[in-house]
C-alpha atoms as a PDB file:
ATOM      1  CA  UNK A   1       8.069  10.943 -14.730  1.00  0.00           C
ATOM      2  CA  UNK A   2       6.333   7.523 -14.565  1.00  0.00           C
ATOM      3  CA  UNK A   3       7.550   5.375 -11.633  1.00  0.00           C
ATOM      4  CA  UNK A   4       5.647   2.254 -12.697  1.00  0.00           C
ATOM      5  CA  UNK A   5       2.796   1.043 -14.954  1.00  0.00           C
ATOM      6  CA  UNK A   6      -0.876   1.123 -14.342  1.00  0.00           C
ATOM      7  CA  UNK A   7      -2.373  -0.596 -11.251  1.00  0.00           C
ATOM      8  CA  UNK A   8      -4.102  -0.025  -8.000  1.00  0.00           C
ATOM      9  CA  UNK A   9      -3.081   2.344  -5.173  1.00  0.00           C
ATOM     10  CA  UNK A  10      -4.196   2.348  -1.599  1.00  0.00           C
ATOM     11  CA  UNK A  11      -3.051   5.115   0.830  1.00  0.00           C
ATOM     12  CA  UNK A  12      -2.730   4.558   4.551  1.00  0.00           C
ATOM     13  CA  UNK A  13      -3.008   0.765   4.490  1.00  0.00           C
ATOM     14  CA  UNK A  14      -2.272  -1.210   7.751  1.00  0.00           C
ATOM     15  CA  UNK A  15       0.812  -3.352   7.722  1.00  0.00           C
ATOM     16  CA  UNK A  16       2.415  -5.705  10.271  1.00  0.00           C
ATOM     17  CA  UNK A  17       6.008  -7.013  10.700  1.00  0.00           C
ATOM     18  CA  UNK A  18       6.878 -10.585  11.552  1.00  0.00           C
ATOM     19  CA  UNK A  19       7.423  -9.686  15.164  1.00  0.00           C
ATOM     20  CA  UNK A  20       3.801  -8.324  15.375  1.00  0.00           C
ATOM     21  CA  UNK A  21       4.803  -4.657  15.271  1.00  0.00           C
ATOM     22  CA  UNK A  22       2.100  -2.775  13.345  1.00  0.00           C
ATOM     23  CA  UNK A  23       1.907   0.422  11.499  1.00  0.00           C
ATOM     24  CA  UNK A  24       0.648   2.001   8.254  1.00  0.00           C
ATOM     25  CA  UNK A  25       2.159   2.398   4.816  1.00  0.00           C
ATOM     26  CA  UNK A  26       1.730   5.836   3.343  1.00  0.00           C
ATOM     27  CA  UNK A  27       1.080   4.358  -0.100  1.00  0.00           C
ATOM     28  CA  UNK A  28       0.607   0.756  -1.263  1.00  0.00           C
ATOM     29  CA  UNK A  29       0.756   0.368  -5.179  1.00  0.00           C
ATOM     30  CA  UNK A  30       0.199  -2.909  -6.933  1.00  0.00           C
ATOM     31  CA  UNK A  31       0.954  -2.577 -10.659  1.00  0.00           C
ATOM     32  CA  UNK A  32      -0.904  -4.891 -12.912  1.00  0.00           C
ATOM     33  CA  UNK A  33       2.010  -6.952 -14.005  1.00  0.00           C
ATOM     34  CA  UNK A  34       4.566  -6.911 -11.168  1.00  0.00           C
ATOM     35  CA  UNK A  35       4.947  -7.038  -7.308  1.00  0.00           C
ATOM     36  CA  UNK A  36       3.821  -4.576  -4.709  1.00  0.00           C
ATOM     37  CA  UNK A  37       5.510  -1.303  -3.972  1.00  0.00           C
ATOM     38  CA  UNK A  38       5.259   0.338  -0.539  1.00  0.00           C
ATOM     39  CA  UNK A  39       5.996   4.047  -0.343  1.00  0.00           C
ATOM     40  CA  UNK A  40       6.995   5.738   2.879  1.00  0.00           C
ATOM     41  CA  UNK A  41       6.580   9.508   2.378  1.00  0.00           C
ATOM     42  CA  UNK A  42       8.690  12.073   4.331  1.00  0.00           C
ATOM     43  CA  UNK A  43       8.110  15.685   3.470  1.00  0.00           C
ATOM     44  CA  UNK A  44       9.645  18.712   5.106  1.00  0.00           C
ATOM     45  CA  UNK A  45       7.065  18.604   7.917  1.00  0.00           C
ATOM     46  CA  UNK A  46       8.084  14.973   8.864  1.00  0.00           C
ATOM     47  CA  UNK A  47      11.083  13.694  10.769  1.00  0.00           C
ATOM     48  CA  UNK A  48      13.036  10.548  10.258  1.00  0.00           C
ATOM     49  CA  UNK A  49      12.854   9.317  13.898  1.00  0.00           C
ATOM     50  CA  UNK A  50      10.551   6.438  13.111  1.00  0.00           C
ATOM     51  CA  UNK A  51      12.204   5.438   9.798  1.00  0.00           C
ATOM     52  CA  UNK A  52      14.160   2.468  11.117  1.00  0.00           C
ATOM     53  CA  UNK A  53      11.141   0.757  12.560  1.00  0.00           C
ATOM     54  CA  UNK A  54       9.120   1.625   9.360  1.00  0.00           C
ATOM     55  CA  UNK A  55      11.828  -0.005   7.256  1.00  0.00           C
ATOM     56  CA  UNK A  56      11.242  -3.271   9.180  1.00  0.00           C
ATOM     57  CA  UNK A  57       7.481  -3.110   8.466  1.00  0.00           C
ATOM     58  CA  UNK A  58       7.823  -2.383   4.760  1.00  0.00           C
ATOM     59  CA  UNK A  59      10.543  -5.070   4.331  1.00  0.00           C
ATOM     60  CA  UNK A  60       8.178  -7.654   5.786  1.00  0.00           C
ATOM     61  CA  UNK A  61       5.238  -6.726   3.462  1.00  0.00           C
ATOM     62  CA  UNK A  62       6.363  -5.291   0.039  1.00  0.00           C
ATOM     63  CA  UNK A  63       8.358  -6.643  -2.864  1.00  0.00           C
ATOM     64  CA  UNK A  64       9.829  -3.169  -3.456  1.00  0.00           C
ATOM     65  CA  UNK A  65      10.157  -0.380  -0.963  1.00  0.00           C
ATOM     66  CA  UNK A  66      10.602   3.323  -1.760  1.00  0.00           C
ATOM     67  CA  UNK A  67      11.160   6.359   0.410  1.00  0.00           C
ATOM     68  CA  UNK A  68       9.862   9.474  -1.209  1.00  0.00           C
ATOM     69  CA  UNK A  69      11.377  12.497   0.458  1.00  0.00           C
ATOM     70  CA  UNK A  70      12.310  16.127  -0.076  1.00  0.00           C
ATOM     71  CA  UNK A  71      15.873  17.436  -0.437  1.00  0.00           C
ATOM     72  CA  UNK A  72      15.940  18.294   3.225  1.00  0.00           C
ATOM     73  CA  UNK A  73      15.978  14.647   4.281  1.00  0.00           C
ATOM     74  CA  UNK A  74      17.908  13.247   1.310  1.00  0.00           C
ATOM     75  CA  UNK A  75      21.365  12.895   2.892  1.00  0.00           C
ATOM     76  CA  UNK A  76      20.136  11.485   6.160  1.00  0.00           C
ATOM     77  CA  UNK A  77      17.655   9.170   4.571  1.00  0.00           C
ATOM     78  CA  UNK A  78      20.329   7.859   2.189  1.00  0.00           C
ATOM     79  CA  UNK A  79      22.406   6.786   5.277  1.00  0.00           C
ATOM     80  CA  UNK A  80      19.451   5.052   7.014  1.00  0.00           C
ATOM     81  CA  UNK A  81      18.027   3.223   4.043  1.00  0.00           C
ATOM     82  CA  UNK A  82      19.142  -0.270   3.054  1.00  0.00           C
ATOM     83  CA  UNK A  83      20.489  -0.442  -0.455  1.00  0.00           C
ATOM     84  CA  UNK A  84      17.544  -2.464  -1.690  1.00  0.00           C
ATOM     85  CA  UNK A  85      15.253   0.533  -0.990  1.00  0.00           C
ATOM     86  CA  UNK A  86      14.364   2.999  -3.787  1.00  0.00           C
ATOM     87  CA  UNK A  87      14.705   6.757  -3.151  1.00  0.00           C
ATOM     88  CA  UNK A  88      12.485   9.300  -4.787  1.00  0.00           C
ATOM     89  CA  UNK A  89      13.075  13.097  -4.381  1.00  0.00           C
ATOM     90  CA  UNK A  90      10.005  15.249  -3.966  1.00  0.00           C
ATOM     91  CA  UNK A  91       9.503  18.961  -4.533  1.00  0.00           C
ATOM     92  CA  UNK A  92       9.199  20.353  -0.962  1.00  0.00           C
ATOM     93  CA  UNK A  93       6.182  22.525  -1.800  1.00  0.00           C
ATOM     94  CA  UNK A  94       4.178  20.570  -4.481  1.00  0.00           C
ATOM     95  CA  UNK A  95       5.350  17.033  -3.532  1.00  0.00           C
ATOM     96  CA  UNK A  96       5.664  16.280  -7.248  1.00  0.00           C
ATOM     97  CA  UNK A  97       8.362  13.737  -8.078  1.00  0.00           C
ATOM     98  CA  UNK A  98      11.593  15.629  -9.132  1.00  0.00           C
ATOM     99  CA  UNK A  99      13.781  12.566  -9.717  1.00  0.00           C
ATOM    100  CA  UNK A 100      14.060   8.855  -8.978  1.00  0.00           C
ATOM    101  CA  UNK A 101      17.458   9.006  -7.082  1.00  0.00           C
ATOM    102  CA  UNK A 102      17.674   5.210  -6.714  1.00  0.00           C
ATOM    103  CA  UNK A 103      15.307   2.469  -8.084  1.00  0.00           C
ATOM    104  CA  UNK A 104      14.087  -0.117  -5.592  1.00  0.00           C
ATOM    105  CA  UNK A 105      15.336  -3.761  -5.826  1.00  0.00           C
ATOM    106  CA  UNK A 106      12.698  -6.406  -5.639  1.00  0.00           C
ATOM    107  CA  UNK A 107      12.765  -9.107  -2.967  1.00  0.00           C
ATOM    108  CA  UNK A 108      10.973 -12.360  -3.122  1.00  0.00           C
ATOM    109  CA  UNK A 109       8.777 -11.711  -0.075  1.00  0.00           C
ATOM    110  CA  UNK A 110       5.643  -9.925  -1.220  1.00  0.00           C
ATOM    111  CA  UNK A 111       2.806 -10.447   1.202  1.00  0.00           C
ATOM    112  CA  UNK A 112       1.145  -7.266   0.042  1.00  0.00           C
ATOM    113  CA  UNK A 113       0.482  -8.687  -3.466  1.00  0.00           C
ATOM    114  CA  UNK A 114      -1.514 -11.530  -1.892  1.00  0.00           C
ATOM    115  CA  UNK A 115      -4.523 -10.477   0.155  1.00  0.00           C
ATOM    116  CA  UNK A 116      -3.248  -7.496   2.290  1.00  0.00           C
ATOM    117  CA  UNK A 117      -6.326  -5.420   1.149  1.00  0.00           C
ATOM    118  CA  UNK A 118      -8.711  -8.089   2.374  1.00  0.00           C
ATOM    119  CA  UNK A 119      -8.064  -7.054   5.990  1.00  0.00           C
ATOM    120  CA  UNK A 120      -9.096  -3.564   5.217  1.00  0.00           C
ATOM    121  CA  UNK A 121     -12.727  -4.498   4.401  1.00  0.00           C
ATOM    122  CA  UNK A 122     -15.391  -3.694   6.944  1.00  0.00           C
ATOM    123  CA  UNK A 123     -17.888  -6.416   8.202  1.00  0.00           C
ATOM    124  CA  UNK A 124     -20.600  -5.134   5.897  1.00  0.00           C
ATOM    125  CA  UNK A 125     -18.323  -5.099   2.933  1.00  0.00           C
ATOM    126  CA  UNK A 126     -17.194  -8.664   3.681  1.00  0.00           C
ATOM    127  CA  UNK A 127     -20.857  -9.769   4.137  1.00  0.00           C
ATOM    128  CA  UNK A 128     -21.831  -8.208   0.782  1.00  0.00           C
ATOM    129  CA  UNK A 129     -19.072 -10.258  -0.928  1.00  0.00           C
ATOM    130  CA  UNK A 130     -20.253 -13.386   0.915  1.00  0.00           C
ATOM    131  CA  UNK A 131     -23.863 -12.847  -0.134  1.00  0.00           C
ATOM    132  CA  UNK A 132     -22.584 -12.726  -3.803  1.00  0.00           C
ATOM    133  CA  UNK A 133     -21.504 -16.335  -3.476  1.00  0.00           C
ATOM    134  CA  UNK A 134     -24.647 -17.428  -1.633  1.00  0.00           C
ATOM    135  CA  UNK A 135     -23.409 -17.242   2.068  1.00  0.00           C
ATOM    136  CA  UNK A 136     -26.142 -15.411   3.890  1.00  0.00           C
ATOM    137  CA  UNK A 137     -25.742 -16.568   7.480  1.00  0.00           C
ATOM    138  CA  UNK A 138     -22.833 -14.291   8.484  1.00  0.00           C
ATOM    139  CA  UNK A 139     -23.939 -12.592  11.748  1.00  0.00           C
ATOM    140  CA  UNK A 140     -21.929 -14.900  14.027  1.00  0.00           C
ATOM    141  CA  UNK A 141     -18.824 -15.237  11.816  1.00  0.00           C
ATOM    142  CA  UNK A 142     -15.500 -13.661  12.925  1.00  0.00           C
ATOM    143  CA  UNK A 143     -13.718 -11.642  10.200  1.00  0.00           C
ATOM    144  CA  UNK A 144     -11.033 -14.476   9.972  1.00  0.00           C
ATOM    145  CA  UNK A 145     -13.849 -16.933   9.129  1.00  0.00           C
ATOM    146  CA  UNK A 146     -15.277 -14.586   6.527  1.00  0.00           C
ATOM    147  CA  UNK A 147     -11.858 -14.193   4.956  1.00  0.00           C
ATOM    148  CA  UNK A 148     -11.386 -17.995   4.918  1.00  0.00           C
ATOM    149  CA  UNK A 149     -14.722 -18.555   3.115  1.00  0.00           C
ATOM    150  CA  UNK A 150     -13.861 -15.881   0.447  1.00  0.00           C
ATOM    151  CA  UNK A 151     -10.385 -17.257  -0.021  1.00  0.00           C
ATOM    152  CA  UNK A 152     -11.787 -20.840  -0.425  1.00  0.00           C
ATOM    153  CA  UNK A 153     -14.126 -19.623  -3.110  1.00  0.00           C
ATOM    154  CA  UNK A 154     -12.023 -17.171  -5.146  1.00  0.00           C
ATOM    155  CA  UNK A 155      -8.524 -17.332  -6.539  1.00  0.00           C
ATOM    156  CA  UNK A 156      -6.176 -14.735  -4.943  1.00  0.00           C
ATOM    157  CA  UNK A 157      -6.101 -12.481  -8.074  1.00  0.00           C
ATOM    158  CA  UNK A 158      -9.946 -12.420  -8.334  1.00  0.00           C
ATOM    159  CA  UNK A 159     -10.501 -11.802  -4.630  1.00  0.00           C
ATOM    160  CA  UNK A 160      -7.754  -9.148  -4.580  1.00  0.00           C
ATOM    161  CA  UNK A 161      -9.539  -7.320  -7.547  1.00  0.00           C
ATOM    162  CA  UNK A 162     -12.869  -7.562  -5.593  1.00  0.00           C
ATOM    163  CA  UNK A 163     -11.249  -6.039  -2.657  1.00  0.00           C
ATOM    164  CA  UNK A 164      -9.757  -3.172  -4.621  1.00  0.00           C
ATOM    165  CA  UNK A 165     -13.085  -2.575  -6.328  1.00  0.00           C
ATOM    166  CA  UNK A 166     -14.877  -2.477  -3.013  1.00  0.00           C
ATOM    167  CA  UNK A 167     -12.408  -0.103  -1.508  1.00  0.00           C
ATOM    168  CA  UNK A 168     -12.788   2.117  -4.582  1.00  0.00           C
ATOM    169  CA  UNK A 169     -16.451   2.577  -3.958  1.00  0.00           C
ATOM    170  CA  UNK A 170     -15.894   3.941  -0.380  1.00  0.00           C
ATOM    171  CA  UNK A 171     -16.555   7.537   0.389  1.00  0.00           C
ATOM    172  CA  UNK A 172     -15.372   9.485   3.429  1.00  0.00           C
ATOM    173  CA  UNK A 173     -13.306   6.581   4.669  1.00  0.00           C
ATOM    174  CA  UNK A 174      -9.599   6.641   5.519  1.00  0.00           C
ATOM    175  CA  UNK A 175      -8.641   3.542   3.427  1.00  0.00           C
ATOM    176  CA  UNK A 176      -9.787   3.716  -0.170  1.00  0.00           C
ATOM    177  CA  UNK A 177      -8.410   2.332  -3.477  1.00  0.00           C
ATOM    178  CA  UNK A 178      -7.850   4.250  -6.638  1.00  0.00           C
ATOM    179  CA  UNK A 179      -7.188   2.765 -10.130  1.00  0.00           C
ATOM    180  CA  UNK A 180      -4.127   4.543 -11.669  1.00  0.00           C
ATOM    181  CA  UNK A 181      -3.036   4.472 -15.269  1.00  0.00           C
ATOM    182  CA  UNK A 182       0.547   5.275 -14.161  1.00  0.00           C
ATOM    183  CA  UNK A 183       1.996   6.812 -11.027  1.00  0.00           C
ATOM    184  CA  UNK A 184       3.860  10.039 -11.809  1.00  0.00           C
ATOM    185  CA  UNK A 185       1.881  12.641  -9.981  1.00  0.00           C
ATOM    186  CA  UNK A 186       2.258  14.255  -6.520  1.00  0.00           C
ATOM    187  CA  UNK A 187       2.724  11.534  -3.959  1.00  0.00           C
ATOM    188  CA  UNK A 188       0.671  12.640  -1.035  1.00  0.00           C
ATOM    189  CA  UNK A 189      -1.933  14.563  -2.901  1.00  0.00           C
ATOM    190  CA  UNK A 190      -2.824  11.617  -5.280  1.00  0.00           C
ATOM    191  CA  UNK A 191      -5.738  10.875  -2.935  1.00  0.00           C
ATOM    192  CA  UNK A 192      -6.465  14.121  -1.299  1.00  0.00           C
ATOM    193  CA  UNK A 193      -7.086  16.016  -4.452  1.00  0.00           C
ATOM    194  CA  UNK A 194      -4.561  18.673  -3.540  1.00  0.00           C
END
């Protein structure tokens, strides 16, 4: 069951709400030809106690928001979620998608499709991108200054693609990126190999 077309996927990406509250999205997907999708995943081992605050974070960052959960949480989650949120039912054991219970509705706000991934790059990765454009004196720059130089040189789509490709080359790190032809596999294990 394909949930959307090909694109980039990044697990465990940092997100921030308008009020400064910070957290992590379980899965950020940016399809090639549409806006961002933020997935919050609740398996049988999880509780819904933080879902209300997580909704606020996701609503601030993603065009479309989806809760992927098991049948155990389905009724309670349905009562907590705004109507604009999608709801996907996962197998409790394999975490494979069983059904799309409700499709997400897109909103205009889509900060994640801009340069959310740029903030995940480490200093060395940012400096490597800067060297590619001839900026070699980077030791005294703050990350915000590095970002500004890159944003001034590249278009948003080009810089975003460079960020995804940089994250895709990482090994042994928490935040990575993976190119997907379509997303229809097990939600949590897409990146863990299990």
